[in-house]
Amino acid sequence: MNLIVFVGNAVPPKPVLNPQPVMSTPDTHPRLEIRNLRRAFAGREVVSDVSLKVTRGQVTCLLGPSGCGKSTTLRIIAGVEMQNSGEIYVDGNLVCDTVHRVPPEGRSIGLMFQDFALFPHLSVADNIAFGLKGSKSNKRARVLDLLEKIDLTRAIDQFPHELSGGEQQRVALARALAPRPSIMLMDEPFSGLDERLKDEIRDSTLDVLKAEGTAVLLVTHEPDEAMRMADEIALMRDGRIVQQGAPYNIYNAPVDKAAAAFFSDINVIRGKVKNAMVDTAFGAFLCPGRPDGTEVEIVIRPQHLRIDFDRGGRGPAPTPQDGTPARGIVERARFMGRESIVEFRMDFDGSVLHATVPSVFLPKAGTPLWLMLRRERCFVFPA
């Protein structure tokens, strides 16, 4: 069952180990901090030693494949699932460990799932006001403020079935934000939207969240969505966070081959170390510190391969930037709208490599061409 938690402002209990804690403020502590969360079901650990921090106005994406523990982590933070160990802090104050637990409605946390779960019998205004307390005039003012931010003032008296999917998503966002939660948890909130609308809705959602100063933890399995929305990405695999950082750093300095492959297609060139070098079709690669005989994988993305023409069996001259060229035979080429993908069978070892070219480039199968790769764009990992 999908839930939306509407948030109050209850003061959490004091930590048992600190009977007189110093009261914290959002300016001196992360809005959300989780420490060493662990959760197991039937002896199988689905969340393992997960720790992260989210500050005011920051969007952190918990990114990973289905079944890696993302949603379970979110449910633990929201309070609808209980961890086996670990601690959760909101604005520096402990809200949950294995002894004390603040209920979901007392955590100042908003929660949005894939299912917007709007009340069909209530108007847009009444849906947004559902979790609010206070006078009727104050509720109305808050509703109008949020409707203006999501550009849906015209729909104030409409019902959910009269709105498009994108409009329903924005109303669900406004309803979750109405009680002014410190933290917003979002579990694949855009997955049900039409692909054409996703970018527009994501951008408008991000604008509203930033304007509210809310700390956001967004769960997604889509790398493009994480790259578009996140200030920081926490890449999750098999219940663990394997890498965390700004999108640029995660993309350009992956921790391993699987991390690189999660964000885009990759080419893998395999070899063995000899005298701290690996011999490949593109010349030798330095592999210092690895003993002879070690198998390694050199990873490069298709967009970082450069194609040049064959000149009677000869290719371009080697350069310090592009290294030694290697010849391949075109097996197939496909136009994908924004780019073309060309598949090569390499002369050196019969391996297959893919290169992408902006716009239209469709050489015929059997055409010999030369490839060069940008050395600074390569990653070398143990096999």
Protein backbone atom coordinates (compact mmCIF):
# COMPACT_ATOMS: atom_id res chain seq x y z
CA MET A 1 0.00 0.00 0.00
CA ASN A 2 1.43 3.38 -0.96
CA LEU A 3 1.34 6.04 1.74
CA ILE A 4 1.71 9.78 2.04
CA VAL A 5 2.73 10.96 5.46
CA PHE A 6 1.40 14.33 6.56
CA VAL A 7 3.69 15.94 9.03
CA GLY A 8 3.25 17.69 12.32
CA ASN A 9 5.82 19.51 14.42
CA ALA A 10 6.03 17.29 17.49
CA VAL A 11 9.27 17.55 19.45
CA PRO A 12 11.17 14.24 19.37
CA PRO A 13 12.17 12.57 22.63
CA LYS A 14 15.65 13.11 24.00
CA PRO A 15 18.27 10.47 23.18
CA VAL A 16 18.66 7.97 25.97
CA LEU A 17 22.44 8.43 26.09
CA ASN A 18 22.19 12.22 26.34
CA PRO A 19 19.50 13.19 28.81
CA GLN A 20 20.05 16.94 28.28
CA PRO A 21 20.93 17.43 24.60
CA VAL A 22 21.77 20.85 23.22
CA MET A 23 18.88 21.95 21.02
CA SER A 24 19.92 21.99 17.38
CA THR A 25 18.94 24.24 14.50
CA PRO A 26 18.80 23.57 10.76
CA ASP A 27 21.73 25.93 10.28
CA THR A 28 24.16 23.96 12.45
CA HIS A 29 23.22 20.39 11.52
CA PRO A 30 22.13 18.51 8.40
CA ARG A 31 18.38 18.49 7.96
CA LEU A 32 18.58 14.71 7.66
CA GLU A 33 21.34 12.41 8.85
CA ILE A 34 21.21 8.64 8.90
CA ARG A 35 23.96 6.59 10.50
CA ASN A 36 24.72 2.94 9.82
CA LEU A 37 21.18 1.86 9.00
CA ARG A 38 20.70 -1.89 8.68
CA ARG A 39 17.57 -3.86 7.89
CA ALA A 40 17.19 -7.60 7.31
CA PHE A 41 14.19 -9.69 6.27
CA ALA A 42 14.18 -13.43 6.97
CA GLY A 43 17.92 -13.34 7.56
CA ARG A 44 18.67 -11.50 4.30
CA GLU A 45 20.17 -8.04 4.74
CA VAL A 46 18.51 -5.58 2.34
CA VAL A 47 19.94 -2.39 3.86
CA SER A 48 23.50 -2.66 5.07
CA ASP A 49 25.39 0.07 6.95
CA VAL A 50 23.83 2.96 5.03
CA SER A 51 24.87 6.46 6.11
CA LEU A 52 24.24 9.84 4.48
CA LYS A 53 23.47 13.52 5.16
CA VAL A 54 21.11 15.93 3.42
CA THR A 55 21.23 19.67 4.12
CA ARG A 56 18.60 22.40 3.80
CA GLY A 57 17.65 22.99 0.17
CA GLN A 58 19.77 20.07 -1.04
CA VAL A 59 18.51 17.32 -3.34
CA THR A 60 20.19 13.96 -2.81
CA CYS A 61 19.30 11.07 -5.11
CA LEU A 62 19.48 7.52 -3.82
CA LEU A 63 20.20 5.81 -7.13
CA GLY A 64 20.38 2.12 -7.92
CA PRO A 65 18.75 -0.85 -9.63
CA SER A 66 15.44 -2.30 -8.49
CA GLY A 67 15.75 -4.40 -5.34
CA CYS A 68 18.93 -2.75 -4.04
CA GLY A 69 17.30 -1.41 -0.84
CA LYS A 70 16.47 2.18 -1.88
CA SER A 71 12.78 2.14 -1.01
CA THR A 72 13.34 0.22 2.21
CA THR A 73 15.81 2.92 3.28
CA LEU A 74 13.20 5.58 2.54
CA ARG A 75 10.52 3.74 4.49
CA ILE A 76 12.83 3.44 7.51
CA ILE A 77 13.53 7.19 7.45
CA ALA A 78 9.80 7.94 7.14
CA GLY A 79 9.05 5.71 10.11
CA VAL A 80 6.86 3.16 8.33
CA GLU A 81 9.59 0.52 8.58
CA MET A 82 11.86 -0.19 11.58
CA GLN A 83 15.60 -0.69 11.22
CA ASN A 84 17.51 -3.47 12.98
CA SER A 85 20.25 -1.03 13.88
CA GLY A 86 21.35 2.51 13.14
CA GLU A 87 20.14 6.02 13.94
CA ILE A 88 18.12 8.74 12.22
CA TYR A 89 18.48 12.43 13.03
CA VAL A 90 16.34 15.38 11.89
CA ASP A 91 17.93 18.81 12.40
CA GLY A 92 20.46 17.20 14.75
CA ASN A 93 17.82 15.61 16.97
CA LEU A 94 17.51 11.85 17.28
CA VAL A 95 14.15 10.60 16.00
CA CYS A 96 14.81 6.88 15.85
CA ASP A 97 17.26 4.25 17.02
CA THR A 98 16.64 0.72 18.27
CA VAL A 99 15.32 1.98 21.63
CA HIS A 100 13.33 5.16 20.99
CA ARG A 101 11.15 5.91 17.98
CA VAL A 102 9.27 9.07 17.06
CA PRO A 103 6.11 8.14 15.09
CA PRO A 104 5.93 9.13 11.41
CA GLU A 105 3.65 12.10 12.01
CA GLY A 106 6.13 13.61 14.48
CA ARG A 107 9.25 13.58 12.28
CA SER A 108 8.64 16.68 10.14
CA ILE A 109 9.04 14.49 7.07
CA GLY A 110 6.89 14.53 3.94
CA LEU A 111 6.60 11.43 1.78
CA MET A 112 5.64 11.01 -1.87
CA PHE A 113 5.35 7.68 -3.68
CA GLN A 114 4.71 6.72 -7.30
CA ASP A 115 0.98 6.60 -6.60
CA PHE A 116 -0.09 10.19 -5.94
CA ALA A 117 -2.99 8.86 -3.79
CA LEU A 118 -5.08 12.01 -4.05
CA PHE A 119 -8.50 11.79 -2.43
CA PRO A 120 -10.93 11.51 -5.36
CA HIS A 121 -13.89 13.00 -3.43
CA LEU A 122 -11.97 16.14 -2.38
CA SER A 123 -11.21 19.21 -4.48
CA VAL A 124 -7.66 20.28 -5.23
CA ALA A 125 -7.86 22.86 -2.44
CA ASP A 126 -9.17 20.33 0.08
CA ASN A 127 -6.55 17.76 -0.92
CA ILE A 128 -3.75 20.25 -0.29
CA ALA A 129 -5.28 21.44 2.99
CA PHE A 130 -5.90 17.93 4.30
CA GLY A 131 -2.82 17.74 6.52
CA LEU A 132 -2.92 21.35 7.72
CA LYS A 133 -3.83 22.64 11.15
CA GLY A 134 -4.91 26.12 12.16
CA SER A 135 -7.62 28.54 11.12
CA LYS A 136 -9.55 28.26 7.89
CA SER A 137 -8.07 31.52 6.60
CA ASN A 138 -4.48 30.36 7.30
CA LYS A 139 -5.13 27.08 5.54
CA ARG A 140 -6.59 28.91 2.55
CA ALA A 141 -3.59 31.22 2.35
CA ARG A 142 -1.17 28.30 2.38
CA VAL A 143 -3.16 26.48 -0.31
CA LEU A 144 -3.21 29.56 -2.55
CA ASP A 145 0.52 30.11 -2.04
CA LEU A 146 1.35 26.55 -3.08
CA LEU A 147 -1.06 26.56 -6.02
CA GLU A 148 0.64 29.69 -7.30
CA LYS A 149 4.05 28.04 -7.01
CA ILE A 150 2.91 24.99 -8.97
CA ASP A 151 0.98 27.16 -11.47
CA LEU A 152 -2.38 25.52 -10.77
CA THR A 153 -4.42 28.32 -9.18
CA ARG A 154 -7.04 27.86 -11.91
CA ALA A 155 -7.64 24.27 -10.71
CA ILE A 156 -8.38 25.12 -7.09
CA ASP A 157 -11.99 23.86 -7.22
CA GLN A 158 -11.42 20.96 -9.58
CA PHE A 159 -11.28 17.30 -8.62
CA PRO A 160 -8.36 14.89 -9.25
CA HIS A 161 -10.10 13.06 -12.13
CA GLU A 162 -10.34 16.37 -13.99
CA LEU A 163 -6.56 16.84 -13.97
CA SER A 164 -3.81 15.38 -16.15
CA GLY A 165 -1.20 13.06 -14.67
CA GLY A 166 1.34 15.87 -14.50
CA GLU A 167 -1.15 18.15 -12.74
CA GLN A 168 -2.02 15.43 -10.24
CA GLN A 169 1.68 15.00 -9.51
CA ARG A 170 2.02 18.71 -8.77
CA VAL A 171 -1.02 18.66 -6.48
CA ALA A 172 0.43 15.67 -4.61
CA LEU A 173 3.68 17.61 -4.20
CA ALA A 174 1.80 20.66 -2.88
CA ARG A 175 -0.13 18.50 -0.41
CA ALA A 176 3.06 16.93 0.94
CA LEU A 177 4.71 20.37 1.22
CA ALA A 178 1.70 22.09 2.82
CA PRO A 179 2.69 21.36 6.47
CA ARG A 180 6.21 22.74 5.72
CA PRO A 181 8.17 19.55 6.41
CA SER A 182 11.90 19.87 6.98
CA ILE A 183 12.52 16.87 4.74
CA MET A 184 10.81 15.47 1.65
CA LEU A 185 11.21 11.81 0.74
CA MET A 186 10.27 10.94 -2.84
CA ASP A 187 10.08 7.37 -4.13
CA GLU A 188 10.11 7.23 -7.96
CA PRO A 189 7.56 10.09 -8.07
CA PHE A 190 7.82 10.67 -11.83
CA SER A 191 7.70 7.07 -13.05
CA GLY A 192 4.01 7.20 -13.94
CA LEU A 193 4.30 10.29 -16.13
CA ASP A 194 4.40 10.48 -19.89
CA GLU A 195 8.00 10.64 -21.10
CA ARG A 196 7.32 13.94 -22.89
CA LEU A 197 6.21 15.58 -19.64
CA LYS A 198 8.86 14.24 -17.30
CA ASP A 199 11.51 16.89 -17.86
CA GLU A 200 9.05 19.76 -17.48
CA ILE A 201 7.48 18.30 -14.32
CA ARG A 202 10.84 17.43 -12.77
CA ASP A 203 12.13 20.96 -13.35
CA SER A 204 9.03 22.63 -11.91
CA THR A 205 9.08 20.25 -8.91
CA LEU A 206 12.72 21.08 -8.27
CA ASP A 207 11.96 24.81 -8.38
CA VAL A 208 9.21 24.45 -5.78
CA LEU A 209 11.32 22.29 -3.46
CA LYS A 210 14.26 24.70 -3.65
CA ALA A 211 11.98 27.67 -2.98
CA GLU A 212 10.63 25.95 0.13
CA GLY A 213 14.17 25.21 1.40
CA THR A 214 13.25 21.56 1.89
CA ALA A 215 15.91 18.87 2.16
CA VAL A 216 15.03 16.24 -0.44
CA LEU A 217 15.95 12.56 -0.63
CA LEU A 218 14.78 11.20 -3.97
CA VAL A 219 14.82 7.51 -4.85
CA THR A 220 15.19 6.62 -8.52
CA HIS A 221 16.58 3.88 -10.74
CA GLU A 222 17.07 6.30 -13.65
CA PRO A 223 20.59 7.78 -13.94
CA ASP A 224 19.35 10.60 -16.20
CA GLU A 225 16.83 11.66 -13.57
CA ALA A 226 19.47 11.63 -10.84
CA MET A 227 21.90 13.63 -12.98
CA ARG A 228 19.20 16.17 -13.83
CA MET A 229 17.87 16.74 -10.31
CA ALA A 230 20.54 15.92 -7.76
CA ASP A 231 23.06 18.06 -5.96
CA GLU A 232 24.51 14.79 -4.71
CA ILE A 233 24.08 11.18 -5.77
CA ALA A 234 24.38 8.16 -3.48
CA LEU A 235 24.85 5.12 -5.70
CA MET A 236 23.40 2.03 -4.04
CA ARG A 237 24.01 -1.63 -4.80
CA ASP A 238 23.06 -4.78 -2.85
CA GLY A 239 21.93 -2.76 0.16
CA ARG A 240 25.05 -0.60 0.38
CA ILE A 241 26.05 2.86 -0.79
CA VAL A 242 29.06 2.15 -2.99
CA GLN A 243 29.80 5.73 -4.05
CA GLN A 244 28.58 9.17 -3.08
CA GLY A 245 29.28 12.61 -4.49
CA ALA A 246 28.30 15.32 -6.96
CA PRO A 247 26.88 14.02 -10.27
CA TYR A 248 29.93 15.23 -12.22
CA ASN A 249 32.31 13.35 -9.93
CA ILE A 250 30.24 10.17 -9.83
CA TYR A 251 30.05 10.10 -13.62
CA ASN A 252 33.67 11.00 -14.32
CA ALA A 253 35.34 9.06 -11.51
CA PRO A 254 33.33 5.84 -11.07
CA VAL A 255 34.42 3.59 -8.23
CA ASP A 256 34.26 0.43 -10.36
CA LYS A 257 33.14 -0.94 -13.71
CA ALA A 258 29.57 -1.51 -12.54
CA ALA A 259 29.31 2.14 -11.43
CA ALA A 260 30.54 3.31 -14.83
CA ALA A 261 28.12 0.99 -16.63
CA PHE A 262 25.15 2.17 -14.57
CA PHE A 263 25.34 5.65 -16.08
CA SER A 264 25.98 4.78 -19.72
CA ASP A 265 27.02 2.11 -22.17
CA ILE A 266 30.68 1.18 -21.87
CA ASN A 267 33.37 -0.58 -23.85
CA VAL A 268 35.65 -2.98 -21.98
CA ILE A 269 39.16 -3.75 -23.20
CA ARG A 270 40.74 -6.68 -21.35
CA GLY A 271 44.40 -7.47 -20.81
CA LYS A 272 47.09 -8.73 -18.44
CA VAL A 273 49.73 -6.74 -16.65
CA LYS A 274 53.34 -7.27 -17.64
CA ASN A 275 56.08 -5.04 -16.29
CA ALA A 276 53.44 -2.59 -15.02
CA MET A 277 51.98 -2.31 -18.54
CA VAL A 278 48.97 -3.73 -20.37
CA ASP A 279 49.29 -4.27 -24.11
CA THR A 280 46.16 -3.39 -26.14
CA ALA A 281 45.18 -2.55 -29.71
CA PHE A 282 45.56 1.08 -28.68
CA GLY A 283 49.08 0.70 -27.36
CA ALA A 284 50.35 0.07 -23.85
CA PHE A 285 48.57 1.32 -20.73
CA LEU A 286 50.42 1.98 -17.50
CA CYS A 287 49.17 -0.09 -14.53
CA PRO A 288 51.56 0.76 -11.69
CA GLY A 289 51.36 -1.24 -8.49
CA ARG A 290 49.74 -4.29 -10.06
CA PRO A 291 51.75 -7.52 -10.18
CA ASP A 292 52.51 -9.32 -13.42
CA GLY A 293 49.71 -11.57 -14.60
CA THR A 294 46.96 -9.47 -13.04
CA GLU A 295 43.92 -9.27 -15.31
CA VAL A 296 42.53 -5.77 -15.74
CA GLU A 297 39.67 -4.14 -17.62
CA ILE A 298 40.08 -0.78 -19.33
CA VAL A 299 36.70 0.94 -19.55
CA ILE A 300 35.80 3.72 -21.97
CA ARG A 301 32.42 5.13 -22.97
CA PRO A 302 31.37 5.01 -26.65
CA GLN A 303 31.26 8.81 -26.95
CA HIS A 304 34.97 9.00 -26.08
CA LEU A 305 36.09 6.93 -29.07
CA ARG A 306 37.13 8.94 -32.14
CA ILE A 307 36.68 7.55 -35.65
CA ASP A 308 39.02 8.23 -38.58
CA PHE A 309 39.12 6.97 -42.16
CA ASP A 310 41.22 4.13 -43.52
CA ARG A 311 43.94 5.24 -45.94
CA GLY A 312 44.84 2.15 -47.90
CA GLY A 313 45.35 0.07 -44.78
CA ARG A 314 46.92 2.88 -42.81
CA GLY A 315 45.40 5.02 -40.11
CA PRO A 316 46.20 8.42 -38.60
CA ALA A 317 49.47 9.05 -36.82
CA PRO A 318 49.55 8.48 -33.04
CA THR A 319 49.15 11.57 -30.85
CA PRO A 320 49.78 12.14 -27.13
CA GLN A 321 46.11 12.97 -26.64
CA ASP A 322 44.46 10.19 -28.66
CA GLY A 323 47.18 7.56 -28.39
CA THR A 324 47.73 4.78 -30.94
CA PRO A 325 44.94 4.17 -33.48
CA ALA A 326 43.51 0.68 -33.97
CA ARG A 327 41.64 -0.62 -37.01
CA GLY A 328 38.19 -2.17 -36.86
CA ILE A 329 35.63 -3.36 -39.40
CA VAL A 330 32.11 -1.94 -39.25
CA GLU A 331 29.58 -4.63 -38.35
CA ARG A 332 26.51 -2.41 -38.17
CA ALA A 333 25.49 1.23 -37.74
CA ARG A 334 22.24 2.63 -36.39
CA PHE A 335 20.79 6.14 -36.23
CA MET A 336 19.20 6.86 -32.83
CA GLY A 337 17.81 10.35 -33.43
CA ARG A 338 20.44 12.47 -31.68
CA GLU A 339 23.41 10.26 -32.51
CA SER A 340 24.59 7.28 -34.48
CA ILE A 341 25.98 4.10 -32.93
CA VAL A 342 28.63 2.23 -34.90
CA GLU A 343 29.71 -1.30 -33.94
CA PHE A 344 33.23 -2.47 -34.82
CA ARG A 345 35.00 -5.83 -34.88
CA MET A 346 38.60 -5.06 -33.96
CA ASP A 347 41.48 -6.50 -36.03
CA PHE A 348 43.72 -6.82 -32.98
CA ASP A 349 41.77 -9.48 -31.06
CA GLY A 350 38.30 -9.80 -32.63
CA SER A 351 36.66 -7.91 -29.76
CA VAL A 352 33.62 -5.69 -30.36
CA LEU A 353 33.64 -1.98 -29.57
CA HIS A 354 30.92 0.64 -29.97
CA ALA A 355 31.40 4.30 -30.85
CA THR A 356 28.79 7.04 -30.89
CA VAL A 357 28.84 9.95 -33.30
CA PRO A 358 26.64 13.07 -33.08
CA SER A 359 24.00 13.34 -35.82
CA VAL A 360 24.05 10.97 -38.82
CA PHE A 361 27.00 8.67 -39.55
CA LEU A 362 26.07 5.34 -41.12
CA PRO A 363 29.04 3.59 -42.75
CA LYS A 364 28.25 0.32 -44.52
CA ALA A 365 28.99 -3.04 -42.91
CA GLY A 366 32.47 -4.21 -43.88
CA THR A 367 33.96 -0.71 -44.04
CA PRO A 368 37.43 -0.51 -42.40
CA LEU A 369 37.83 2.48 -40.07
CA TRP A 370 40.28 3.48 -37.37
CA LEU A 371 39.47 4.16 -33.74
CA MET A 372 41.33 6.26 -31.22
CA LEU A 373 40.48 6.67 -27.55
CA ARG A 374 41.03 9.51 -25.15
CA ARG A 375 43.45 8.23 -22.54
CA GLU A 376 42.20 10.63 -19.86
CA ARG A 377 38.67 9.24 -20.35
CA CYS A 378 39.71 5.64 -19.64
CA PHE A 379 39.23 3.87 -16.32
CA VAL A 380 41.34 0.88 -15.35
CA PHE A 381 39.81 -1.62 -12.92
CA PRO A 382 40.79 -5.10 -11.71
CA ALA A 383 38.98 -7.77 -13.72
